[in-house]
Each structure stands twice: as C-alpha cells, then as structure tokens.
PDB file of N, CA and C in Angstrom:
ATOM      1  N   MET A   1      47.765  43.484  28.553  1.00  0.00           N
ATOM      2  CA  MET A   1      47.563  42.770  27.341  1.00  0.00           C
ATOM      3  C   MET A   1      47.384  41.321  27.727  1.00  0.00           C
ATOM      4  N   ALA A   2      46.387  40.634  27.096  1.00  0.00           N
ATOM      5  CA  ALA A   2      46.052  39.228  27.351  1.00  0.00           C
ATOM      6  C   ALA A   2      47.109  38.366  26.788  1.00  0.00           C
ATOM      7  N   ALA A   3      47.435  37.217  27.419  1.00  0.00           N
ATOM      8  CA  ALA A   3      48.263  36.213  26.781  1.00  0.00           C
ATOM      9  C   ALA A   3      47.770  35.498  25.631  1.00  0.00           C
ATOM     10  N   SER A   4      48.428  35.182  24.589  1.00  0.00           N
ATOM     11  CA  SER A   4      47.960  34.474  23.493  1.00  0.00           C
ATOM     12  C   SER A   4      47.789  33.071  23.855  1.00  0.00           C
ATOM     13  N   PRO A   5      46.917  32.266  23.219  1.00  0.00           N
ATOM     14  CA  PRO A   5      46.642  30.922  23.521  1.00  0.00           C
ATOM     15  C   PRO A   5      47.838  30.026  23.616  1.00  0.00           C
ATOM     16  N   THR A   6      48.883  30.319  22.881  1.00  0.00           N
ATOM     17  CA  THR A   6      50.143  29.528  22.731  1.00  0.00           C
ATOM     18  C   THR A   6      51.147  29.900  23.870  1.00  0.00           C
ATOM     19  N   ASP A   7      50.943  30.929  24.713  1.00  0.00           N
ATOM     20  CA  ASP A   7      51.885  31.263  25.714  1.00  0.00           C
ATOM     21  C   ASP A   7      51.878  30.167  26.813  1.00  0.00           C
ATOM     22  N   SER A   8      53.009  29.659  27.093  1.00  0.00           N
ATOM     23  CA  SER A   8      53.216  28.751  28.182  1.00  0.00           C
ATOM     24  C   SER A   8      52.475  27.414  27.931  1.00  0.00           C
ATOM     25  N   ARG A   9      52.109  27.124  26.786  1.00  0.00           N
ATOM     26  CA  ARG A   9      51.409  25.838  26.376  1.00  0.00           C
ATOM     27  C   ARG A   9      52.475  24.898  25.901  1.00  0.00           C
ATOM     28  N   ARG A  10      52.296  23.604  26.312  1.00  0.00           N
ATOM     29  CA  ARG A  10      53.178  22.595  25.753  1.00  0.00           C
ATOM     30  C   ARG A  10      52.637  22.221  24.315  1.00  0.00           C
ATOM     31  N   PRO A  11      53.527  21.876  23.417  1.00  0.00           N
ATOM     32  CA  PRO A  11      53.214  21.425  22.100  1.00  0.00           C
ATOM     33  C   PRO A  11      52.259  20.228  22.143  1.00  0.00           C
ATOM     34  N   LEU A  12      51.374  20.088  21.144  1.00  0.00           N
ATOM     35  CA  LEU A  12      50.522  19.012  21.186  1.00  0.00           C
ATOM     36  C   LEU A  12      50.930  17.896  20.078  1.00  0.00           C
ATOM     37  N   VAL A  13      50.765  16.624  20.485  1.00  0.00           N
ATOM     38  CA  VAL A  13      50.987  15.568  19.607  1.00  0.00           C
ATOM     39  C   VAL A  13      49.639  14.995  19.375  1.00  0.00           C
ATOM     40  N   LEU A  14      49.219  14.961  18.073  1.00  0.00           N
ATOM     41  CA  LEU A  14      47.963  14.274  17.780  1.00  0.00           C
ATOM     42  C   LEU A  14      48.081  12.798  17.586  1.00  0.00           C
ATOM     43  N   LEU A  15      47.298  12.096  18.172  1.00  0.00           N
ATOM     44  CA  LEU A  15      47.177  10.619  18.208  1.00  0.00           C
ATOM     45  C   LEU A  15      46.123  10.147  17.181  1.00  0.00           C
ATOM     46  N   GLY A  16      46.544   9.536  16.095  1.00  0.00           N
ATOM     47  CA  GLY A  16      45.619   9.000  15.113  1.00  0.00           C
ATOM     48  C   GLY A  16      45.609   9.927  13.913  1.00  0.00           C
ATOM     49  N   ALA A  17      45.158   9.389  12.757  1.00  0.00           N
ATOM     50  CA  ALA A  17      45.143  10.191  11.551  1.00  0.00           C
ATOM     51  C   ALA A  17      43.824   9.818  10.723  1.00  0.00           C
ATOM     52  N   GLY A  18      42.772   9.824  11.343  1.00  0.00           N
ATOM     53  CA  GLY A  18      41.534   9.490  10.657  1.00  0.00           C
ATOM     54  C   GLY A  18      40.679  10.747  10.515  1.00  0.00           C
ATOM     55  N   GLY A  19      39.312  10.526  10.377  1.00  0.00           N
ATOM     56  CA  GLY A  19      38.438  11.567  10.339  1.00  0.00           C
ATOM     57  C   GLY A  19      38.318  12.426  11.567  1.00  0.00           C
ATOM     58  N   HIS A  20      38.309  11.783  12.731  1.00  0.00           N
ATOM     59  CA  HIS A  20      38.132  12.545  13.984  1.00  0.00           C
ATOM     60  C   HIS A  20      39.465  13.327  14.190  1.00  0.00           C
ATOM     61  N   ALA A  21      40.618  12.789  13.864  1.00  0.00           N
ATOM     62  CA  ALA A  21      41.834  13.545  14.023  1.00  0.00           C
ATOM     63  C   ALA A  21      41.925  14.796  13.065  1.00  0.00           C
ATOM     64  N   ARG A  22      41.285  14.579  11.910  1.00  0.00           N
ATOM     65  CA  ARG A  22      41.267  15.859  11.030  1.00  0.00           C
ATOM     66  C   ARG A  22      40.370  17.013  11.637  1.00  0.00           C
ATOM     67  N   VAL A  23      39.376  16.649  12.251  1.00  0.00           N
ATOM     68  CA  VAL A  23      38.535  17.660  12.829  1.00  0.00           C
ATOM     69  C   VAL A  23      39.208  18.213  13.976  1.00  0.00           C
ATOM     70  N   LEU A  24      39.915  17.524  14.907  1.00  0.00           N
ATOM     71  CA  LEU A  24      40.608  18.125  15.966  1.00  0.00           C
ATOM     72  C   LEU A  24      41.731  18.894  15.503  1.00  0.00           C
ATOM     73  N   LEU A  25      42.490  18.522  14.498  1.00  0.00           N
ATOM     74  CA  LEU A  25      43.640  19.252  13.920  1.00  0.00           C
ATOM     75  C   LEU A  25      43.090  20.549  13.382  1.00  0.00           C
ATOM     76  N   ALA A  26      41.973  20.661  12.710  1.00  0.00           N
ATOM     77  CA  ALA A  26      41.406  21.967  12.202  1.00  0.00           C
ATOM     78  C   ALA A  26      41.044  22.862  13.486  1.00  0.00           C
ATOM     79  N   LEU A  27      40.502  22.295  14.526  1.00  0.00           N
ATOM     80  CA  LEU A  27      40.118  23.090  15.632  1.00  0.00           C
ATOM     81  C   LEU A  27      41.457  23.646  16.377  1.00  0.00           C
ATOM     82  N   ALA A  28      42.443  22.788  16.551  1.00  0.00           N
ATOM     83  CA  ALA A  28      43.743  23.222  17.142  1.00  0.00           C
ATOM     84  C   ALA A  28      44.330  24.337  16.356  1.00  0.00           C
ATOM     85  N   ARG A  29      44.326  24.282  14.986  1.00  0.00           N
ATOM     86  CA  ARG A  29      44.925  25.097  14.232  1.00  0.00           C
ATOM     87  C   ARG A  29      44.120  26.573  14.261  1.00  0.00           C
ATOM     88  N   ALA A  30      42.805  26.352  14.309  1.00  0.00           N
ATOM     89  CA  ALA A  30      41.983  27.629  14.397  1.00  0.00           C
ATOM     90  C   ALA A  30      42.233  28.318  15.645  1.00  0.00           C
ATOM     91  N   ALA A  31      42.595  27.574  16.798  1.00  0.00           N
ATOM     92  CA  ALA A  31      42.725  28.110  18.095  1.00  0.00           C
ATOM     93  C   ALA A  31      44.149  28.570  18.218  1.00  0.00           C
ATOM     94  N   GLY A  32      45.074  28.394  17.246  1.00  0.00           N
ATOM     95  CA  GLY A  32      46.419  28.759  17.416  1.00  0.00           C
ATOM     96  C   GLY A  32      47.254  27.977  18.316  1.00  0.00           C
ATOM     97  N   LEU A  33      46.918  26.703  18.523  1.00  0.00           N
ATOM     98  CA  LEU A  33      47.600  25.860  19.497  1.00  0.00           C
ATOM     99  C   LEU A  33      48.861  25.334  18.782  1.00  0.00           C
ATOM    100  N   PRO A  34      49.901  25.119  19.468  1.00  0.00           N
ATOM    101  CA  PRO A  34      51.179  24.639  18.959  1.00  0.00           C
ATOM    102  C   PRO A  34      51.013  23.143  18.710  1.00  0.00           C
ATOM    103  N   LEU A  35      51.338  22.710  17.383  1.00  0.00           N
ATOM    104  CA  LEU A  35      51.323  21.222  17.104  1.00  0.00           C
ATOM    105  C   LEU A  35      52.671  20.761  16.781  1.00  0.00           C
ATOM    106  N   LEU A  36      53.223  19.695  17.473  1.00  0.00           N
ATOM    107  CA  LEU A  36      54.491  19.147  17.218  1.00  0.00           C
ATOM    108  C   LEU A  36      54.427  18.142  16.056  1.00  0.00           C
ATOM    109  N   GLY A  37      53.415  17.257  16.019  1.00  0.00           N
ATOM    110  CA  GLY A  37      53.371  16.332  14.968  1.00  0.00           C
ATOM    111  C   GLY A  37      52.224  15.324  15.357  1.00  0.00           C
ATOM    112  N   VAL A  38      52.233  14.206  14.567  1.00  0.00           N
ATOM    113  CA  VAL A  38      51.133  13.111  14.629  1.00  0.00           C
ATOM    114  C   VAL A  38      51.871  11.736  14.831  1.00  0.00           C
ATOM    115  N   CYS A  39      51.247  11.007  15.721  1.00  0.00           N
ATOM    116  CA  CYS A  39      51.689   9.653  15.906  1.00  0.00           C
ATOM    117  C   CYS A  39      50.632   8.680  15.401  1.00  0.00           C
ATOM    118  N   ASP A  40      50.893   7.770  14.397  1.00  0.00           N
ATOM    119  CA  ASP A  40      49.963   6.873  13.950  1.00  0.00           C
ATOM    120  C   ASP A  40      50.663   5.655  13.395  1.00  0.00           C
ATOM    121  N   PRO A  41      50.399   4.559  13.925  1.00  0.00           N
ATOM    122  CA  PRO A  41      51.192   3.365  13.339  1.00  0.00           C
ATOM    123  C   PRO A  41      50.968   3.056  11.896  1.00  0.00           C
ATOM    124  N   VAL A  42      49.822   3.317  11.422  1.00  0.00           N
ATOM    125  CA  VAL A  42      49.596   3.051   9.930  1.00  0.00           C
ATOM    126  C   VAL A  42      50.404   3.961   9.058  1.00  0.00           C
ATOM    127  N   LEU A  43      50.402   5.247   9.491  1.00  0.00           N
ATOM    128  CA  LEU A  43      51.331   6.176   8.686  1.00  0.00           C
ATOM    129  C   LEU A  43      52.847   5.802   8.804  1.00  0.00           C
ATOM    130  N   GLN A  44      53.183   5.335   9.935  1.00  0.00           N
ATOM    131  CA  GLN A  44      54.529   4.892  10.205  1.00  0.00           C
ATOM    132  C   GLN A  44      54.864   3.680   9.341  1.00  0.00           C
ATOM    133  N   ALA A  45      53.980   2.742   9.309  1.00  0.00           N
ATOM    134  CA  ALA A  45      54.046   1.554   8.304  1.00  0.00           C
ATOM    135  C   ALA A  45      54.231   1.822   6.944  1.00  0.00           C
ATOM    136  N   GLU A  46      53.440   2.781   6.572  1.00  0.00           N
ATOM    137  CA  GLU A  46      53.415   3.264   5.215  1.00  0.00           C
ATOM    138  C   GLU A  46      54.705   4.221   4.801  1.00  0.00           C
ATOM    139  N   GLY A  47      55.400   4.546   5.783  1.00  0.00           N
ATOM    140  CA  GLY A  47      56.621   5.339   5.552  1.00  0.00           C
ATOM    141  C   GLY A  47      56.302   6.843   5.297  1.00  0.00           C
ATOM    142  N   CYS A  48      55.117   7.219   5.798  1.00  0.00           N
ATOM    143  CA  CYS A  48      54.806   8.720   5.514  1.00  0.00           C
ATOM    144  C   CYS A  48      55.627   9.583   6.403  1.00  0.00           C
ATOM    145  N   GLY A  49      56.126  10.715   5.869  1.00  0.00           N
ATOM    146  CA  GLY A  49      56.893  11.664   6.647  1.00  0.00           C
ATOM    147  C   GLY A  49      56.034  12.808   7.116  1.00  0.00           C
ATOM    148  N   GLN A  50      54.913  13.051   6.306  1.00  0.00           N
ATOM    149  CA  GLN A  50      54.139  14.191   6.651  1.00  0.00           C
ATOM    150  C   GLN A  50      52.562  13.671   6.456  1.00  0.00           C
ATOM    151  N   TRP A  51      51.682  14.363   7.260  1.00  0.00           N
ATOM    152  CA  TRP A  51      50.257  14.035   7.133  1.00  0.00           C
ATOM    153  C   TRP A  51      49.565  15.458   7.427  1.00  0.00           C
ATOM    154  N   GLU A  52      48.759  15.911   6.567  1.00  0.00           N
ATOM    155  CA  GLU A  52      48.048  17.190   6.704  1.00  0.00           C
ATOM    156  C   GLU A  52      48.938  18.310   7.177  1.00  0.00           C
ATOM    157  N   GLY A  53      50.238  18.279   6.644  1.00  0.00           N
ATOM    158  CA  GLY A  53      51.126  19.369   6.972  1.00  0.00           C
ATOM    159  C   GLY A  53      51.859  19.180   8.253  1.00  0.00           C
ATOM    160  N   LEU A  54      51.578  18.057   8.998  1.00  0.00           N
ATOM    161  CA  LEU A  54      52.215  17.652  10.287  1.00  0.00           C
ATOM    162  C   LEU A  54      53.325  16.713  10.115  1.00  0.00           C
ATOM    163  N   GLN A  55      54.387  16.729  10.780  1.00  0.00           N
ATOM    164  CA  GLN A  55      55.342  15.731  10.739  1.00  0.00           C
ATOM    165  C   GLN A  55      54.801  14.411  11.387  1.00  0.00           C
ATOM    166  N   VAL A  56      55.043  13.320  10.882  1.00  0.00           N
ATOM    167  CA  VAL A  56      54.751  12.000  11.268  1.00  0.00           C
ATOM    168  C   VAL A  56      55.811  11.628  12.226  1.00  0.00           C
ATOM    169  N   LEU A  57      55.627  11.563  13.473  1.00  0.00           N
ATOM    170  CA  LEU A  57      56.651  11.263  14.563  1.00  0.00           C
ATOM    171  C   LEU A  57      56.941   9.833  14.603  1.00  0.00           C
ATOM    172  N   GLY A  58      56.034   8.965  14.124  1.00  0.00           N
ATOM    173  CA  GLY A  58      56.147   7.478  14.233  1.00  0.00           C
ATOM    174  C   GLY A  58      54.789   6.981  14.748  1.00  0.00           C
ATOM    175  N   GLY A  59      54.911   5.606  15.267  1.00  0.00           N
ATOM    176  CA  GLY A  59      53.798   5.081  15.775  1.00  0.00           C
ATOM    177  C   GLY A  59      53.585   5.421  17.251  1.00  0.00           C
ATOM    178  N   ASP A  60      52.866   4.733  18.022  1.00  0.00           N
ATOM    179  CA  ASP A  60      52.577   5.100  19.467  1.00  0.00           C
ATOM    180  C   ASP A  60      53.888   5.142  20.250  1.00  0.00           C
ATOM    181  N   ASP A  61      54.837   4.268  19.895  1.00  0.00           N
ATOM    182  CA  ASP A  61      56.050   4.286  20.710  1.00  0.00           C
ATOM    183  C   ASP A  61      56.879   5.480  20.572  1.00  0.00           C
ATOM    184  N   ALA A  62      56.619   6.205  19.572  1.00  0.00           N
ATOM    185  CA  ALA A  62      57.440   7.565  19.452  1.00  0.00           C
ATOM    186  C   ALA A  62      57.086   8.563  20.531  1.00  0.00           C
ATOM    187  N   LEU A  63      56.055   8.305  21.396  1.00  0.00           N
ATOM    188  CA  LEU A  63      55.735   9.205  22.503  1.00  0.00           C
ATOM    189  C   LEU A  63      56.885   8.966  23.545  1.00  0.00           C
ATOM    190  N   TYR A  64      57.459   7.856  23.554  1.00  0.00           N
ATOM    191  CA  TYR A  64      58.474   7.718  24.716  1.00  0.00           C
ATOM    192  C   TYR A  64      59.646   8.732  24.609  1.00  0.00           C
ATOM    193  N   GLN A  65      59.851   9.320  23.470  1.00  0.00           N
ATOM    194  CA  GLN A  65      60.961  10.245  23.336  1.00  0.00           C
ATOM    195  C   GLN A  65      60.643  11.522  23.973  1.00  0.00           C
ATOM    196  N   TYR A  66      59.399  11.731  24.408  1.00  0.00           N
ATOM    197  CA  TYR A  66      59.063  13.005  25.123  1.00  0.00           C
ATOM    198  C   TYR A  66      58.607  12.693  26.519  1.00  0.00           C
ATOM    199  N   GLY A  67      59.163  13.518  27.437  1.00  0.00           N
ATOM    200  CA  GLY A  67      58.789  13.291  28.840  1.00  0.00           C
ATOM    201  C   GLY A  67      57.404  13.652  29.060  1.00  0.00           C
ATOM    202  N   PRO A  68      56.767  13.280  30.137  1.00  0.00           N
ATOM    203  CA  PRO A  68      55.392  13.512  30.467  1.00  0.00           C
ATOM    204  C   PRO A  68      54.930  14.959  30.635  1.00  0.00           C
ATOM    205  N   ASN A  69      55.946  15.809  30.876  1.00  0.00           N
ATOM    206  CA  ASN A  69      55.729  17.346  31.034  1.00  0.00           C
ATOM    207  C   ASN A  69      56.229  18.049  29.925  1.00  0.00           C
ATOM    208  N   LYS A  70      56.500  17.478  28.698  1.00  0.00           N
ATOM    209  CA  LYS A  70      57.084  18.141  27.577  1.00  0.00           C
ATOM    210  C   LYS A  70      55.965  18.284  26.513  1.00  0.00           C
ATOM    211  N   VAL A  71      55.050  17.428  26.392  1.00  0.00           N
ATOM    212  CA  VAL A  71      53.957  17.533  25.271  1.00  0.00           C
ATOM    213  C   VAL A  71      52.693  17.175  26.038  1.00  0.00           C
ATOM    214  N   ASP A  72      51.567  17.702  25.305  1.00  0.00           N
ATOM    215  CA  ASP A  72      50.206  17.309  25.613  1.00  0.00           C
ATOM    216  C   ASP A  72      49.673  16.450  24.506  1.00  0.00           C
ATOM    217  N   LEU A  73      48.822  15.511  24.780  1.00  0.00           N
ATOM    218  CA  LEU A  73      48.256  14.720  23.713  1.00  0.00           C
ATOM    219  C   LEU A  73      46.856  15.120  23.327  1.00  0.00           C
ATOM    220  N   LEU A  74      46.636  15.019  21.990  1.00  0.00           N
ATOM    221  CA  LEU A  74      45.307  15.282  21.439  1.00  0.00           C
ATOM    222  C   LEU A  74      44.891  14.024  20.849  1.00  0.00           C
ATOM    223  N   LEU A  75      43.783  13.510  21.556  1.00  0.00           N
ATOM    224  CA  LEU A  75      43.282  12.114  21.126  1.00  0.00           C
ATOM    225  C   LEU A  75      42.404  12.237  20.019  1.00  0.00           C
ATOM    226  N   GLY A  76      42.894  11.880  18.829  1.00  0.00           N
ATOM    227  CA  GLY A  76      42.155  11.859  17.620  1.00  0.00           C
ATOM    228  C   GLY A  76      41.756  10.484  17.118  1.00  0.00           C
ATOM    229  N   ILE A  77      41.651   9.554  18.017  1.00  0.00           N
ATOM    230  CA  ILE A  77      41.263   8.254  17.706  1.00  0.00           C
ATOM    231  C   ILE A  77      39.755   8.102  17.999  1.00  0.00           C
ATOM    232  N   GLY A  78      39.006   7.817  16.978  1.00  0.00           N
ATOM    233  CA  GLY A  78      37.472   7.695  17.065  1.00  0.00           C
ATOM    234  C   GLY A  78      37.162   6.204  17.017  1.00  0.00           C
ATOM    235  N   LYS A  79      35.940   5.933  17.050  1.00  0.00           N
ATOM    236  CA  LYS A  79      35.342   4.578  17.020  1.00  0.00           C
ATOM    237  C   LYS A  79      35.059   4.266  15.449  1.00  0.00           C
ATOM    238  N   LEU A  80      35.553   3.016  15.111  1.00  0.00           N
ATOM    239  CA  LEU A  80      35.155   2.535  13.839  1.00  0.00           C
ATOM    240  C   LEU A  80      33.916   1.690  13.897  1.00  0.00           C
ATOM    241  N   THR A  81      32.873   2.115  13.262  1.00  0.00           N
ATOM    242  CA  THR A  81      31.669   1.367  13.251  1.00  0.00           C
ATOM    243  C   THR A  81      31.438   0.652  11.989  1.00  0.00           C
ATOM    244  N   ARG A  82      31.168  -0.610  12.038  1.00  0.00           N
ATOM    245  CA  ARG A  82      30.992  -1.508  10.848  1.00  0.00           C
ATOM    246  C   ARG A  82      29.428  -1.820  10.789  1.00  0.00           C
ATOM    247  N   GLY A  83      29.026  -1.821   9.563  1.00  0.00           N
ATOM    248  CA  GLY A  83      27.600  -2.120   9.283  1.00  0.00           C
ATOM    249  C   GLY A  83      26.961  -1.131   8.432  1.00  0.00           C
ATOM    250  N   SER A  84      25.761  -1.337   8.202  1.00  0.00           N
ATOM    251  CA  SER A  84      24.942  -0.354   7.298  1.00  0.00           C
ATOM    252  C   SER A  84      24.524   0.889   8.166  1.00  0.00           C
ATOM    253  N   ALA A  85      24.428   1.919   7.551  1.00  0.00           N
ATOM    254  CA  ALA A  85      24.048   3.253   8.193  1.00  0.00           C
ATOM    255  C   ALA A  85      22.565   3.418   7.893  1.00  0.00           C
TER     256      ALA A  85
END
C-alpha cells in the first residue's frame, strides 16, 4: 500500500495571507498536506485568531518557536503591483 501524502511530512506554516496565499492554501488542502497555521504581521496586528480556517500563529517572529526541522514553510507572499492594468 502506498503511503499517503501526509505520512512523515512536517506540518506546513503558510507565510502571508493575501491572494497568492489563498491559492497555495487551496492547493495544500487539495493535496491533503498538514497545515499548522499562518504567519502574517497584518493579521497579528488586527488581533485575528483565525484566517481561512487556519490558526493565526502571529507575525513572522512566531516562526522562532519552531525548530528548523519541525515545520516546512509555504511561501504565500506575492508581489504587489501598483498602477493601472
């Protein structure tokens, strides 16, 4: 029997909470990947406890509570483009 995608995988911490992060979150959920929470300084400043069903872990500094071999990061920070389209 083949291993499931979540076997022996570290939980993911999503960085960012914008449009790009939403796309990556949907993909991670569809793939059955384990998600620990989201880090975003704006959500932290607003006092949000949850975002899109994920626990808000805090700002970027919240990552220090996890060792480098305890979680994997999912970079949901995209480029902000200003101007007309």
